[in-house]
Amino acid sequence: MNEHSIKRFWEIDFMRGLSIVMMIIFHLIYDLNYFNVYNFFLHSNFWVYFARATATIFILIVGISLTLSYSRARKIQDVKYKIFMKYFKRGLKIFSWGLILTLITWIFIKERFIIFGILHFIGISIILAYPFLRLRYWNLLIGAVIISIGIYLKGITFDFDWFIWLGLMPDNFSTLDIFPVFPWFGVILLGVFLGNILYPDYIRRFYLRDLTHLTFVRSFCFLGRHSLLIYLIHQPVLIMLLYIFNAYVIG
């Protein structure tokens, strides 16, 4: 059986696509602020909650998708070593894209370059999550504990910066993008919990009408299936458009 022949769950692609659209909206607002085109008061409650909701939806979907991918892999091959290597290679690939963004932001925005952003985090999480994929209710407890530790660490600063990726932040630390293991890996595990409860053995355990005949649903599903590519190209496109706008419309 070919892995790609197994039917996808449209609602997962749709929700991932929705989170990608939300992310693009937030980054557009952020860029408008950063380049002094318009001040949207990003530290107001609305935009803070909007950013957190966007990240939470996306990372929850990552966790759910890991369980679906694991179920697909087990249907095709039962060699655990091969399944783990699949996750290891995928995580390493995404983490490598994160390192490329680190290099680019260090060159162009040195003072706030990305040390451990969303791609670094997802890459590491894909590898770390493997032992948890067969667990069910334990992921709810472990995920809640990790989130609680992350919330606790947020109120503490440290005089070293080697463990920023874990959530141990030095004083006056600033970056364009930061997703530490604590608390965000807890959200991954909550996604794994939901995936195992709602889609055990790659079977949807609830009724959901197929809405893919609707154009906007198909469009969001398309975005969701190409989320990595969209993430990689959307910021350069936004910055280029803002540059053109500043040069030829305002200036």
Foldseek 3Di string as FASTA:
>chain_A
DDLVPDDDDLVLLLLLLVLLVLVLVLVLQVVCVVVVVDHPPCVDPVNVVSVVVSLLSNLLSLLLVLLLLVLSVCVVDVDVVVVLVVLLVVLVVLLVLVVVQQVVCCVVVVQAGDDQFPSNVSSVLSNVCVVVLPPAVVLLVVLVVLQVVLVVQQVDEDPDDPQVQQNRHHPPHHHPGHDHVRNSSSSSSVSSNCNCVQQPSNRGPDDDDDPCVDPVSVVSSVCSVCVVVCVSCSNVVSVVVVVCCCVPPVD
